[in-house]
Amino acid sequence: AVAITAGLHHTCAILDDGSVSCWGNNDYGQLGDGTTTDRNTPTQTSSLGTDRTAVAITAGEKHTCAIIVTESNSDRYYESKNYCWGRDDDNGIIGDGGNTDRHTPTQTNSGLYATSIATGEHHTCSILNDGSVNCWGDGLNGQIGDYSNDDRYSPSRTLLPSGKSATSISSEHQFTCVILDDGSVSCWGINTEGQLGDGTTTTSNVPISATLPSGRTATSIATGLDHVCAIMDDDSLYCWGDNEYGQLGDGTGTDSSTPVAVSLPSGRTADSITAGQHHTCAILDDASAYCWGNGGYGRLGDGTETNRDSPIAVSLPS
């Protein structure tokens, strides 16, 4: 395996030959093997086609999307397109212009080449090779970012700030955030917990700028159910949004509609970040792992089921 992603109850991986294998729940065809049969071991998705390989993959609640590259050996011509499979749910989640569940990889209706892709609960967004962003699926809370609250059955252009292009993208629940080419962060969609980071709790159907710390730019971003965390250019870590379980890591349980500093161990900085529904984990510069937020089911890895509002060391194997 060279890449991996997890949805609500299923997991998919890209293998080193460019094929895709998935396992877990398959009630809507989210494993992509042409059936709706659950699998408790990896099963290969249906053929991607001649000279086609997957280079990026992301899983939503009940659907999966991948960037699939087609290579012609004759002229070394590459094209990279978005493909999705699984639940459509009458929202256009697959992006092929219809509202039918798909049990095998199905190309979205997008004319441009894709460079990265991210899935939310019932929507998907992709950065294209010109730095623009297209989104499709459920638009009830503005998560398409095109000044509407309509579902989109085919990819629709997100209205990024004028003159800006996206370099990194992350989607969750009913919102999406991108890092732009100047290191700023823009988010759109639901904002009931302040997850758009602009100092309000006003939902937005167009990208709005998160209020980053003065003089800082973002280099990496991760979205949880209703919170966001980003690594800054000085490797500090900031989070914003819902903090019911301490998932912002600032030592409080108070929601914040603007970024707050995570209380990392003294002298440590963040190398990478990931967010779950109500918890967050990071790898630090000394290769240690820390988690914070909801500790139920042992998800913080510290040997307890205790909620933590500040990072706690994961008990890695010795």
C-alpha atoms as a PDB file:
ATOM      1  CA  ALA A   1       0.000   0.000   0.000  1.00  0.00           C
ATOM      2  CA  VAL A   2       1.169   3.509  -0.873  1.00  0.00           C
ATOM      3  CA  ALA A   3      -1.883   5.526   0.258  1.00  0.00           C
ATOM      4  CA  ILE A   4      -4.853   4.853   2.522  1.00  0.00           C
ATOM      5  CA  THR A   5      -8.156   6.480   3.480  1.00  0.00           C
ATOM      6  CA  ALA A   6     -10.997   5.616   5.857  1.00  0.00           C
ATOM      7  CA  GLY A   7     -14.705   6.429   5.564  1.00  0.00           C
ATOM      8  CA  LEU A   8     -17.417   5.883   8.142  1.00  0.00           C
ATOM      9  CA  HIS A   9     -17.308   2.070   8.006  1.00  0.00           C
ATOM     10  CA  HIS A  10     -14.974   1.284   5.109  1.00  0.00           C
ATOM     11  CA  THR A  11     -11.333   1.669   4.152  1.00  0.00           C
ATOM     12  CA  CYS A  12      -9.552   1.873   0.789  1.00  0.00           C
ATOM     13  CA  ALA A  13      -5.895   1.757  -0.207  1.00  0.00           C
ATOM     14  CA  ILE A  14      -3.898   2.404  -3.351  1.00  0.00           C
ATOM     15  CA  LEU A  15      -1.411  -0.400  -3.980  1.00  0.00           C
ATOM     16  CA  ASP A  16       2.020  -0.042  -5.550  1.00  0.00           C
ATOM     17  CA  ASP A  17       0.728  -1.176  -8.957  1.00  0.00           C
ATOM     18  CA  GLY A  18      -1.786   1.683  -8.973  1.00  0.00           C
ATOM     19  CA  SER A  19      -4.788  -0.546  -8.286  1.00  0.00           C
ATOM     20  CA  VAL A  20      -7.298   0.121  -5.493  1.00  0.00           C
ATOM     21  CA  SER A  21      -8.451  -2.331  -2.832  1.00  0.00           C
ATOM     22  CA  CYS A  22     -11.205  -1.659  -0.297  1.00  0.00           C
ATOM     23  CA  TRP A  23     -12.789  -3.457   2.658  1.00  0.00           C
ATOM     24  CA  GLY A  24     -15.565  -3.031   5.197  1.00  0.00           C
ATOM     25  CA  ASN A  25     -19.169  -1.910   4.774  1.00  0.00           C
ATOM     26  CA  ASN A  26     -20.422  -1.962   1.181  1.00  0.00           C
ATOM     27  CA  ASP A  27     -24.158  -1.334   1.379  1.00  0.00           C
ATOM     28  CA  TYR A  28     -23.990   1.402  -1.259  1.00  0.00           C
ATOM     29  CA  GLY A  29     -21.127   0.027  -3.349  1.00  0.00           C
ATOM     30  CA  GLN A  30     -18.477   2.161  -1.636  1.00  0.00           C
ATOM     31  CA  LEU A  31     -15.902  -0.635  -2.065  1.00  0.00           C
ATOM     32  CA  GLY A  32     -16.188  -0.296  -5.829  1.00  0.00           C
ATOM     33  CA  ASP A  33     -16.088  -4.028  -6.614  1.00  0.00           C
ATOM     34  CA  GLY A  34     -19.390  -4.092  -8.485  1.00  0.00           C
ATOM     35  CA  THR A  35     -21.374  -5.502  -5.554  1.00  0.00           C
ATOM     36  CA  THR A  36     -23.013  -4.378  -2.320  1.00  0.00           C
ATOM     37  CA  THR A  37     -21.469  -7.221  -0.329  1.00  0.00           C
ATOM     38  CA  ASP A  38     -19.530  -6.312   2.820  1.00  0.00           C
ATOM     39  CA  ARG A  39     -15.898  -7.490   2.793  1.00  0.00           C
ATOM     40  CA  ASN A  40     -13.775  -8.289   5.836  1.00  0.00           C
ATOM     41  CA  THR A  41     -10.599  -8.545   3.766  1.00  0.00           C
ATOM     42  CA  PRO A  42      -9.387  -6.205   1.012  1.00  0.00           C
ATOM     43  CA  THR A  43     -11.128  -6.694  -2.328  1.00  0.00           C
ATOM     44  CA  GLN A  44      -9.954  -5.071  -5.540  1.00  0.00           C
ATOM     45  CA  THR A  45     -12.204  -2.437  -7.047  1.00  0.00           C
ATOM     46  CA  SER A  46     -13.471  -3.119 -10.530  1.00  0.00           C
ATOM     47  CA  SER A  47     -10.928  -2.528 -13.291  1.00  0.00           C
ATOM     48  CA  LEU A  48      -9.896   1.091 -13.593  1.00  0.00           C
ATOM     49  CA  GLY A  49      -9.352   0.572 -17.318  1.00  0.00           C
ATOM     50  CA  THR A  50      -6.395   0.180 -19.639  1.00  0.00           C
ATOM     51  CA  ASP A  51      -3.284   2.144 -18.642  1.00  0.00           C
ATOM     52  CA  ARG A  52      -5.149   3.678 -15.687  1.00  0.00           C
ATOM     53  CA  THR A  53      -3.787   3.906 -12.166  1.00  0.00           C
ATOM     54  CA  ALA A  54      -4.935   5.654  -8.995  1.00  0.00           C
ATOM     55  CA  VAL A  55      -2.681   8.359  -7.565  1.00  0.00           C
ATOM     56  CA  ALA A  56      -4.885   9.829  -4.794  1.00  0.00           C
ATOM     57  CA  ILE A  57      -7.861   8.511  -2.836  1.00  0.00           C
ATOM     58  CA  THR A  58     -10.350   9.817  -0.275  1.00  0.00           C
ATOM     59  CA  ALA A  59     -13.373   8.296   1.478  1.00  0.00           C
ATOM     60  CA  GLY A  60     -16.562  10.019   2.573  1.00  0.00           C
ATOM     61  CA  GLU A  61     -19.277   8.622   4.796  1.00  0.00           C
ATOM     62  CA  LYS A  62     -20.626   6.140   2.238  1.00  0.00           C
ATOM     63  CA  HIS A  63     -18.685   6.937  -0.927  1.00  0.00           C
ATOM     64  CA  THR A  64     -15.126   6.894  -2.219  1.00  0.00           C
ATOM     65  CA  CYS A  65     -13.358   9.090  -4.761  1.00  0.00           C
ATOM     66  CA  ALA A  66      -9.967   8.816  -6.435  1.00  0.00           C
ATOM     67  CA  ILE A  67      -7.830  10.647  -8.944  1.00  0.00           C
ATOM     68  CA  ILE A  68      -7.099   8.187 -11.716  1.00  0.00           C
ATOM     69  CA  VAL A  69      -4.319   8.809 -14.219  1.00  0.00           C
ATOM     70  CA  THR A  70      -4.449   7.548 -17.783  1.00  0.00           C
ATOM     71  CA  GLU A  71      -1.088   7.155 -19.509  1.00  0.00           C
ATOM     72  CA  SER A  72      -0.562   6.623 -23.203  1.00  0.00           C
ATOM     73  CA  ASN A  73       2.824   5.015 -23.740  1.00  0.00           C
ATOM     74  CA  SER A  74       2.905   6.215 -27.350  1.00  0.00           C
ATOM     75  CA  ASP A  75       3.132   9.918 -26.612  1.00  0.00           C
ATOM     76  CA  ARG A  76       3.712   9.959 -22.815  1.00  0.00           C
ATOM     77  CA  TYR A  77       0.474  11.870 -22.440  1.00  0.00           C
ATOM     78  CA  TYR A  78      -1.099  11.868 -19.003  1.00  0.00           C
ATOM     79  CA  GLU A  79      -4.546  12.833 -17.910  1.00  0.00           C
ATOM     80  CA  SER A  80      -5.843  12.804 -14.344  1.00  0.00           C
ATOM     81  CA  LYS A  81      -9.566  12.651 -13.718  1.00  0.00           C
ATOM     82  CA  ASN A  82     -11.825  12.329 -10.691  1.00  0.00           C
ATOM     83  CA  TYR A  83     -13.710   9.057 -10.248  1.00  0.00           C
ATOM     84  CA  CYS A  84     -16.232   8.262  -7.506  1.00  0.00           C
ATOM     85  CA  TRP A  85     -18.293   5.276  -6.393  1.00  0.00           C
ATOM     86  CA  GLY A  86     -20.783   4.386  -3.670  1.00  0.00           C
ATOM     87  CA  ARG A  87     -23.757   6.295  -2.309  1.00  0.00           C
ATOM     88  CA  ASP A  88     -25.322   9.111  -4.306  1.00  0.00           C
ATOM     89  CA  ASP A  89     -28.259   9.775  -1.956  1.00  0.00           C
ATOM     90  CA  ASP A  90     -30.064  12.047  -4.460  1.00  0.00           C
ATOM     91  CA  ASN A  91     -27.456  14.756  -3.803  1.00  0.00           C
ATOM     92  CA  GLY A  92     -25.179  14.190  -6.792  1.00  0.00           C
ATOM     93  CA  ILE A  93     -22.383  12.853  -4.593  1.00  0.00           C
ATOM     94  CA  ILE A  94     -20.867  10.813  -7.445  1.00  0.00           C
ATOM     95  CA  GLY A  95     -20.628  13.895  -9.681  1.00  0.00           C
ATOM     96  CA  ASP A  96     -21.527  12.148 -12.942  1.00  0.00           C
ATOM     97  CA  GLY A  97     -24.633  14.253 -13.578  1.00  0.00           C
ATOM     98  CA  GLY A  98     -27.075  11.730 -12.111  1.00  0.00           C
ATOM     99  CA  ASN A  99     -28.380  10.645  -8.733  1.00  0.00           C
ATOM    100  CA  THR A 100     -27.744   6.900  -8.876  1.00  0.00           C
ATOM    101  CA  ASP A 101     -25.523   4.873  -6.562  1.00  0.00           C
ATOM    102  CA  ARG A 102     -22.460   3.555  -8.389  1.00  0.00           C
ATOM    103  CA  HIS A 103     -20.856   0.227  -7.485  1.00  0.00           C
ATOM    104  CA  THR A 104     -17.804   0.722  -9.696  1.00  0.00           C
ATOM    105  CA  PRO A 105     -15.531   3.747 -10.274  1.00  0.00           C
ATOM    106  CA  THR A 106     -17.409   6.336 -12.345  1.00  0.00           C
ATOM    107  CA  GLN A 107     -15.868   9.458 -13.866  1.00  0.00           C
ATOM    108  CA  THR A 108     -17.195  12.810 -12.722  1.00  0.00           C
ATOM    109  CA  ASN A 109     -18.270  15.419 -15.243  1.00  0.00           C
ATOM    110  CA  SER A 110     -15.204  17.626 -15.081  1.00  0.00           C
ATOM    111  CA  GLY A 111     -13.218  18.779 -18.075  1.00  0.00           C
ATOM    112  CA  LEU A 112     -10.016  19.799 -16.295  1.00  0.00           C
ATOM    113  CA  TYR A 113      -7.329  17.591 -14.782  1.00  0.00           C
ATOM    114  CA  ALA A 114      -7.300  17.012 -11.020  1.00  0.00           C
ATOM    115  CA  THR A 115      -4.328  17.293  -8.671  1.00  0.00           C
ATOM    116  CA  SER A 116      -5.910  16.573  -5.253  1.00  0.00           C
ATOM    117  CA  ILE A 117      -9.280  15.544  -3.855  1.00  0.00           C
ATOM    118  CA  ALA A 118     -11.139  15.569  -0.524  1.00  0.00           C
ATOM    119  CA  THR A 119     -14.511  14.182   0.557  1.00  0.00           C
ATOM    120  CA  GLY A 120     -16.937  15.487   3.134  1.00  0.00           C
ATOM    121  CA  GLU A 121     -19.966  13.697   4.484  1.00  0.00           C
ATOM    122  CA  HIS A 122     -22.042  13.981   1.298  1.00  0.00           C
ATOM    123  CA  HIS A 123     -19.917  16.216  -0.923  1.00  0.00           C
ATOM    124  CA  THR A 124     -16.526  16.148  -2.602  1.00  0.00           C
ATOM    125  CA  CYS A 125     -14.104  18.880  -3.675  1.00  0.00           C
ATOM    126  CA  SER A 126     -11.073  18.696  -5.954  1.00  0.00           C
ATOM    127  CA  ILE A 127      -8.208  21.029  -6.796  1.00  0.00           C
ATOM    128  CA  LEU A 128      -7.672  21.184 -10.557  1.00  0.00           C
ATOM    129  CA  ASN A 129      -4.439  21.699 -12.437  1.00  0.00           C
ATOM    130  CA  ASP A 130      -5.086  25.431 -12.821  1.00  0.00           C
ATOM    131  CA  GLY A 131      -5.406  25.863  -9.042  1.00  0.00           C
ATOM    132  CA  SER A 132      -9.181  26.246  -9.155  1.00  0.00           C
ATOM    133  CA  VAL A 133     -11.534  24.143  -7.015  1.00  0.00           C
ATOM    134  CA  ASN A 134     -14.590  22.204  -8.150  1.00  0.00           C
ATOM    135  CA  CYS A 135     -17.125  20.724  -5.712  1.00  0.00           C
ATOM    136  CA  TRP A 136     -20.177  18.524  -6.139  1.00  0.00           C
ATOM    137  CA  GLY A 137     -22.854  16.792  -4.064  1.00  0.00           C
ATOM    138  CA  ASP A 138     -24.852  18.125  -1.110  1.00  0.00           C
ATOM    139  CA  GLY A 139     -24.967  21.916  -1.040  1.00  0.00           C
ATOM    140  CA  LEU A 140     -27.536  22.510   1.705  1.00  0.00           C
ATOM    141  CA  ASN A 141     -25.132  24.499   3.895  1.00  0.00           C
ATOM    142  CA  GLY A 142     -23.116  26.097   1.113  1.00  0.00           C
ATOM    143  CA  GLN A 143     -20.442  23.390   1.007  1.00  0.00           C
ATOM    144  CA  ILE A 144     -20.101  23.714  -2.794  1.00  0.00           C
ATOM    145  CA  GLY A 145     -18.850  27.299  -2.363  1.00  0.00           C
ATOM    146  CA  ASP A 146     -20.480  28.674  -5.517  1.00  0.00           C
ATOM    147  CA  TYR A 147     -22.827  31.228  -3.886  1.00  0.00           C
ATOM    148  CA  SER A 148     -25.654  28.708  -3.793  1.00  0.00           C
ATOM    149  CA  ASN A 149     -27.192  26.239  -1.381  1.00  0.00           C
ATOM    150  CA  ASP A 150     -28.139  23.838  -4.164  1.00  0.00           C
ATOM    151  CA  ASP A 151     -27.040  20.256  -4.645  1.00  0.00           C
ATOM    152  CA  ARG A 152     -24.681  19.866  -7.602  1.00  0.00           C
ATOM    153  CA  TYR A 153     -24.843  16.667  -9.653  1.00  0.00           C
ATOM    154  CA  SER A 154     -21.744  17.664 -11.627  1.00  0.00           C
ATOM    155  CA  PRO A 155     -18.647  19.550 -10.444  1.00  0.00           C
ATOM    156  CA  SER A 156     -19.292  23.279  -9.927  1.00  0.00           C
ATOM    157  CA  ARG A 157     -16.602  25.957  -9.692  1.00  0.00           C
ATOM    158  CA  THR A 158     -15.955  27.186  -6.156  1.00  0.00           C
ATOM    159  CA  LEU A 159     -15.524  30.957  -6.041  1.00  0.00           C
ATOM    160  CA  LEU A 160     -12.051  31.363  -4.544  1.00  0.00           C
ATOM    161  CA  PRO A 161     -10.755  34.866  -3.732  1.00  0.00           C
ATOM    162  CA  SER A 162      -9.809  36.758  -6.886  1.00  0.00           C
ATOM    163  CA  GLY A 163      -6.355  35.933  -8.191  1.00  0.00           C
ATOM    164  CA  LYS A 164      -5.806  33.098  -5.719  1.00  0.00           C
ATOM    165  CA  SER A 165      -5.284  29.409  -6.361  1.00  0.00           C
ATOM    166  CA  ALA A 166      -5.553  26.436  -3.999  1.00  0.00           C
ATOM    167  CA  THR A 167      -2.586  24.272  -3.030  1.00  0.00           C
ATOM    168  CA  SER A 168      -4.092  21.988  -0.350  1.00  0.00           C
ATOM    169  CA  ILE A 169      -7.628  20.910   0.520  1.00  0.00           C
ATOM    170  CA  SER A 170      -9.489  19.155   3.337  1.00  0.00           C
ATOM    171  CA  SER A 171     -13.224  18.422   3.677  1.00  0.00           C
ATOM    172  CA  GLU A 172     -15.402  17.075   6.455  1.00  0.00           C
ATOM    173  CA  HIS A 173     -19.060  16.884   7.485  1.00  0.00           C
ATOM    174  CA  GLN A 174     -20.559  19.910   5.668  1.00  0.00           C
ATOM    175  CA  PHE A 175     -17.622  22.235   5.066  1.00  0.00           C
ATOM    176  CA  THR A 176     -14.298  22.486   3.253  1.00  0.00           C
ATOM    177  CA  CYS A 177     -11.060  24.408   3.824  1.00  0.00           C
ATOM    178  CA  VAL A 178      -8.187  25.136   1.451  1.00  0.00           C
ATOM    179  CA  ILE A 179      -4.732  26.577   1.791  1.00  0.00           C
ATOM    180  CA  LEU A 180      -4.205  29.168  -0.938  1.00  0.00           C
ATOM    181  CA  ASP A 181      -1.004  29.953  -2.812  1.00  0.00           C
ATOM    182  CA  ASP A 182      -0.187  32.817  -0.431  1.00  0.00           C
ATOM    183  CA  GLY A 183      -0.481  30.553   2.636  1.00  0.00           C
ATOM    184  CA  SER A 184      -3.821  31.953   3.726  1.00  0.00           C
ATOM    185  CA  VAL A 185      -6.752  29.669   4.565  1.00  0.00           C
ATOM    186  CA  SER A 186     -10.259  29.936   3.119  1.00  0.00           C
ATOM    187  CA  CYS A 187     -13.215  27.843   4.255  1.00  0.00           C
ATOM    188  CA  TRP A 188     -16.860  27.529   3.256  1.00  0.00           C
ATOM    189  CA  GLY A 189     -19.989  25.675   4.344  1.00  0.00           C
ATOM    190  CA  ILE A 190     -21.553  25.183   7.752  1.00  0.00           C
ATOM    191  CA  ASN A 191     -20.182  27.366  10.550  1.00  0.00           C
ATOM    192  CA  THR A 192     -22.348  26.684  13.591  1.00  0.00           C
ATOM    193  CA  GLU A 193     -19.290  25.946  15.762  1.00  0.00           C
ATOM    194  CA  GLY A 194     -16.956  28.545  14.247  1.00  0.00           C
ATOM    195  CA  GLN A 195     -15.228  25.971  12.033  1.00  0.00           C
ATOM    196  CA  LEU A 196     -14.719  28.467   9.196  1.00  0.00           C
ATOM    197  CA  GLY A 197     -12.336  30.393  11.457  1.00  0.00           C
ATOM    198  CA  ASP A 198     -13.446  33.917  10.552  1.00  0.00           C
ATOM    199  CA  GLY A 199     -14.554  34.991  14.030  1.00  0.00           C
ATOM    200  CA  THR A 200     -18.251  34.318  13.396  1.00  0.00           C
ATOM    201  CA  THR A 201     -20.669  31.405  13.466  1.00  0.00           C
ATOM    202  CA  THR A 202     -22.320  32.463  10.203  1.00  0.00           C
ATOM    203  CA  THR A 203     -22.591  29.741   7.571  1.00  0.00           C
ATOM    204  CA  SER A 204     -21.151  30.769   4.197  1.00  0.00           C
ATOM    205  CA  ASN A 205     -21.789  29.472   0.670  1.00  0.00           C
ATOM    206  CA  VAL A 206     -18.639  31.144  -0.622  1.00  0.00           C
ATOM    207  CA  PRO A 207     -15.051  30.837   0.676  1.00  0.00           C
ATOM    208  CA  ILE A 208     -14.164  33.238   3.494  1.00  0.00           C
ATOM    209  CA  SER A 209     -10.762  33.858   5.038  1.00  0.00           C
ATOM    210  CA  ALA A 210      -9.849  32.270   8.352  1.00  0.00           C
ATOM    211  CA  THR A 211      -8.194  34.693  10.759  1.00  0.00           C
ATOM    212  CA  LEU A 212      -4.715  33.196  11.089  1.00  0.00           C
ATOM    213  CA  PRO A 213      -2.269  34.446  13.728  1.00  0.00           C
ATOM    214  CA  SER A 214      -0.552  37.689  12.708  1.00  0.00           C
ATOM    215  CA  GLY A 215       2.347  37.112  10.332  1.00  0.00           C
ATOM    216  CA  ARG A 216       1.705  33.388   9.996  1.00  0.00           C
ATOM    217  CA  THR A 217       0.810  31.283   6.971  1.00  0.00           C
ATOM    218  CA  ALA A 218      -0.466  27.716   6.858  1.00  0.00           C
ATOM    219  CA  THR A 219       1.432  24.752   5.431  1.00  0.00           C
ATOM    220  CA  SER A 220      -0.864  21.825   6.317  1.00  0.00           C
ATOM    221  CA  ILE A 221      -4.535  21.511   7.255  1.00  0.00           C
ATOM    222  CA  ALA A 222      -6.911  18.864   8.638  1.00  0.00           C
ATOM    223  CA  THR A 223     -10.662  18.988   9.233  1.00  0.00           C
ATOM    224  CA  GLY A 224     -12.645  17.106  11.867  1.00  0.00           C
ATOM    225  CA  LEU A 225     -16.408  16.903  12.198  1.00  0.00           C
ATOM    226  CA  ASP A 226     -16.768  20.532  13.289  1.00  0.00           C
ATOM    227  CA  HIS A 227     -13.206  21.655  13.920  1.00  0.00           C
ATOM    228  CA  VAL A 228     -10.067  22.467  11.937  1.00  0.00           C
ATOM    229  CA  CYS A 229      -6.366  22.333  12.740  1.00  0.00           C
ATOM    230  CA  ALA A 230      -3.498  23.785  10.717  1.00  0.00           C
ATOM    231  CA  ILE A 231       0.269  23.708  10.967  1.00  0.00           C
ATOM    232  CA  MET A 232       1.818  27.133  10.445  1.00  0.00           C
ATOM    233  CA  ASP A 233       4.994  28.107   8.619  1.00  0.00           C
ATOM    234  CA  ASP A 234       6.910  28.119  11.922  1.00  0.00           C
ATOM    235  CA  ASP A 235       5.622  24.562  12.686  1.00  0.00           C
ATOM    236  CA  SER A 236       3.337  25.811  15.432  1.00  0.00           C
ATOM    237  CA  LEU A 237      -0.147  24.303  15.529  1.00  0.00           C
ATOM    238  CA  TYR A 238      -3.483  26.115  15.716  1.00  0.00           C
ATOM    239  CA  CYS A 239      -7.066  24.810  15.829  1.00  0.00           C
ATOM    240  CA  TRP A 240     -10.535  26.353  15.716  1.00  0.00           C
ATOM    241  CA  GLY A 241     -14.213  25.387  15.844  1.00  0.00           C
ATOM    242  CA  ASP A 242     -15.974  22.928  18.159  1.00  0.00           C
ATOM    243  CA  ASN A 243     -14.136  22.218  21.426  1.00  0.00           C
ATOM    244  CA  GLU A 244     -16.706  20.234  23.397  1.00  0.00           C
ATOM    245  CA  TYR A 245     -14.243  17.422  24.084  1.00  0.00           C
ATOM    246  CA  GLY A 246     -11.039  19.478  24.074  1.00  0.00           C
ATOM    247  CA  GLN A 247     -10.259  18.722  20.419  1.00  0.00           C
ATOM    248  CA  LEU A 248      -8.710  22.181  19.934  1.00  0.00           C
ATOM    249  CA  GLY A 249      -5.970  21.224  22.403  1.00  0.00           C
ATOM    250  CA  ASP A 250      -5.700  24.631  24.031  1.00  0.00           C
ATOM    251  CA  GLY A 251      -6.382  23.445  27.578  1.00  0.00           C
ATOM    252  CA  THR A 252     -10.030  24.506  27.572  1.00  0.00           C
ATOM    253  CA  GLY A 253     -13.388  23.154  26.484  1.00  0.00           C
ATOM    254  CA  THR A 254     -14.441  26.435  24.915  1.00  0.00           C
ATOM    255  CA  ASP A 255     -15.335  26.682  21.239  1.00  0.00           C
ATOM    256  CA  SER A 256     -13.331  29.195  19.234  1.00  0.00           C
ATOM    257  CA  SER A 257     -14.304  30.815  15.942  1.00  0.00           C
ATOM    258  CA  THR A 258     -10.700  31.919  15.376  1.00  0.00           C
ATOM    259  CA  PRO A 259      -7.511  29.838  15.566  1.00  0.00           C
ATOM    260  CA  VAL A 260      -6.102  29.137  19.039  1.00  0.00           C
ATOM    261  CA  ALA A 261      -2.648  27.739  19.780  1.00  0.00           C
ATOM    262  CA  VAL A 262      -2.441  24.054  20.664  1.00  0.00           C
ATOM    263  CA  SER A 263      -0.578  23.475  23.928  1.00  0.00           C
ATOM    264  CA  LEU A 264       2.200  21.310  22.513  1.00  0.00           C
ATOM    265  CA  PRO A 265       4.896  20.002  24.878  1.00  0.00           C
ATOM    266  CA  SER A 266       7.587  22.578  25.617  1.00  0.00           C
ATOM    267  CA  GLY A 267      10.105  22.945  22.785  1.00  0.00           C
ATOM    268  CA  ARG A 268       8.181  20.705  20.383  1.00  0.00           C
ATOM    269  CA  THR A 269       6.694  21.544  16.990  1.00  0.00           C
ATOM    270  CA  ALA A 270       4.278  19.740  14.691  1.00  0.00           C
ATOM    271  CA  ASP A 271       5.285  17.758  11.603  1.00  0.00           C
ATOM    272  CA  SER A 272       1.884  16.403  10.531  1.00  0.00           C
ATOM    273  CA  ILE A 273      -1.719  16.535  11.679  1.00  0.00           C
ATOM    274  CA  THR A 274      -4.941  14.555  11.321  1.00  0.00           C
ATOM    275  CA  ALA A 275      -8.409  15.075  12.771  1.00  0.00           C
ATOM    276  CA  GLY A 276     -11.167  12.645  13.659  1.00  0.00           C
ATOM    277  CA  GLN A 277     -14.757  13.395  14.525  1.00  0.00           C
ATOM    278  CA  HIS A 278     -14.055  14.807  17.991  1.00  0.00           C
ATOM    279  CA  HIS A 279     -10.325  14.270  18.462  1.00  0.00           C
ATOM    280  CA  THR A 280      -7.039  15.307  16.878  1.00  0.00           C
ATOM    281  CA  CYS A 281      -3.603  13.703  16.607  1.00  0.00           C
ATOM    282  CA  ALA A 282      -0.207  14.996  15.507  1.00  0.00           C
ATOM    283  CA  ILE A 283       3.279  13.702  14.890  1.00  0.00           C
ATOM    284  CA  LEU A 284       5.815  16.046  16.463  1.00  0.00           C
ATOM    285  CA  ASP A 285       9.323  16.958  15.366  1.00  0.00           C
ATOM    286  CA  ASP A 286      10.865  14.270  17.595  1.00  0.00           C
ATOM    287  CA  ALA A 287       8.671  11.570  15.938  1.00  0.00           C
ATOM    288  CA  SER A 288       6.475  11.255  19.029  1.00  0.00           C
ATOM    289  CA  ALA A 289       2.697  11.141  18.593  1.00  0.00           C
ATOM    290  CA  TYR A 290       0.235  13.168  20.647  1.00  0.00           C
ATOM    291  CA  CYS A 291      -3.568  13.171  20.646  1.00  0.00           C
ATOM    292  CA  TRP A 292      -6.279  15.221  22.342  1.00  0.00           C
ATOM    293  CA  GLY A 293     -10.064  15.509  22.497  1.00  0.00           C
ATOM    294  CA  ASN A 294     -12.597  12.721  22.992  1.00  0.00           C
ATOM    295  CA  GLY A 295     -10.871   9.744  24.639  1.00  0.00           C
ATOM    296  CA  GLY A 296     -13.809   7.341  24.391  1.00  0.00           C
ATOM    297  CA  TYR A 297     -12.999   3.880  22.969  1.00  0.00           C
ATOM    298  CA  GLY A 298      -9.319   4.575  23.681  1.00  0.00           C
ATOM    299  CA  ARG A 299      -8.918   6.734  20.575  1.00  0.00           C
ATOM    300  CA  LEU A 300      -6.199   8.918  22.136  1.00  0.00           C
ATOM    301  CA  GLY A 301      -3.895   5.933  22.569  1.00  0.00           C
ATOM    302  CA  ASP A 302      -2.733   6.843  26.053  1.00  0.00           C
ATOM    303  CA  GLY A 303      -4.097   3.730  27.779  1.00  0.00           C
ATOM    304  CA  THR A 304      -7.247   5.446  29.041  1.00  0.00           C
ATOM    305  CA  GLU A 305     -10.680   6.504  27.825  1.00  0.00           C
ATOM    306  CA  THR A 306     -10.336   9.979  29.330  1.00  0.00           C
ATOM    307  CA  ASN A 307     -11.051  13.156  27.379  1.00  0.00           C
ATOM    308  CA  ARG A 308      -8.020  15.439  27.083  1.00  0.00           C
ATOM    309  CA  ASP A 309      -8.109  19.173  26.393  1.00  0.00           C
ATOM    310  CA  SER A 310      -4.334  19.294  25.893  1.00  0.00           C
ATOM    311  CA  PRO A 311      -2.106  16.925  23.895  1.00  0.00           C
ATOM    312  CA  ILE A 312      -1.283  13.656  25.623  1.00  0.00           C
ATOM    313  CA  ALA A 313       1.477  11.297  24.476  1.00  0.00           C
ATOM    314  CA  VAL A 314       0.376   8.205  22.584  1.00  0.00           C
ATOM    315  CA  SER A 315       1.782   5.023  24.112  1.00  0.00           C
ATOM    316  CA  LEU A 316       3.756   3.882  21.074  1.00  0.00           C
ATOM    317  CA  PRO A 317       5.441   0.453  21.112  1.00  0.00           C
ATOM    318  CA  SER A 318       8.881   0.518  22.729  1.00  0.00           C
END
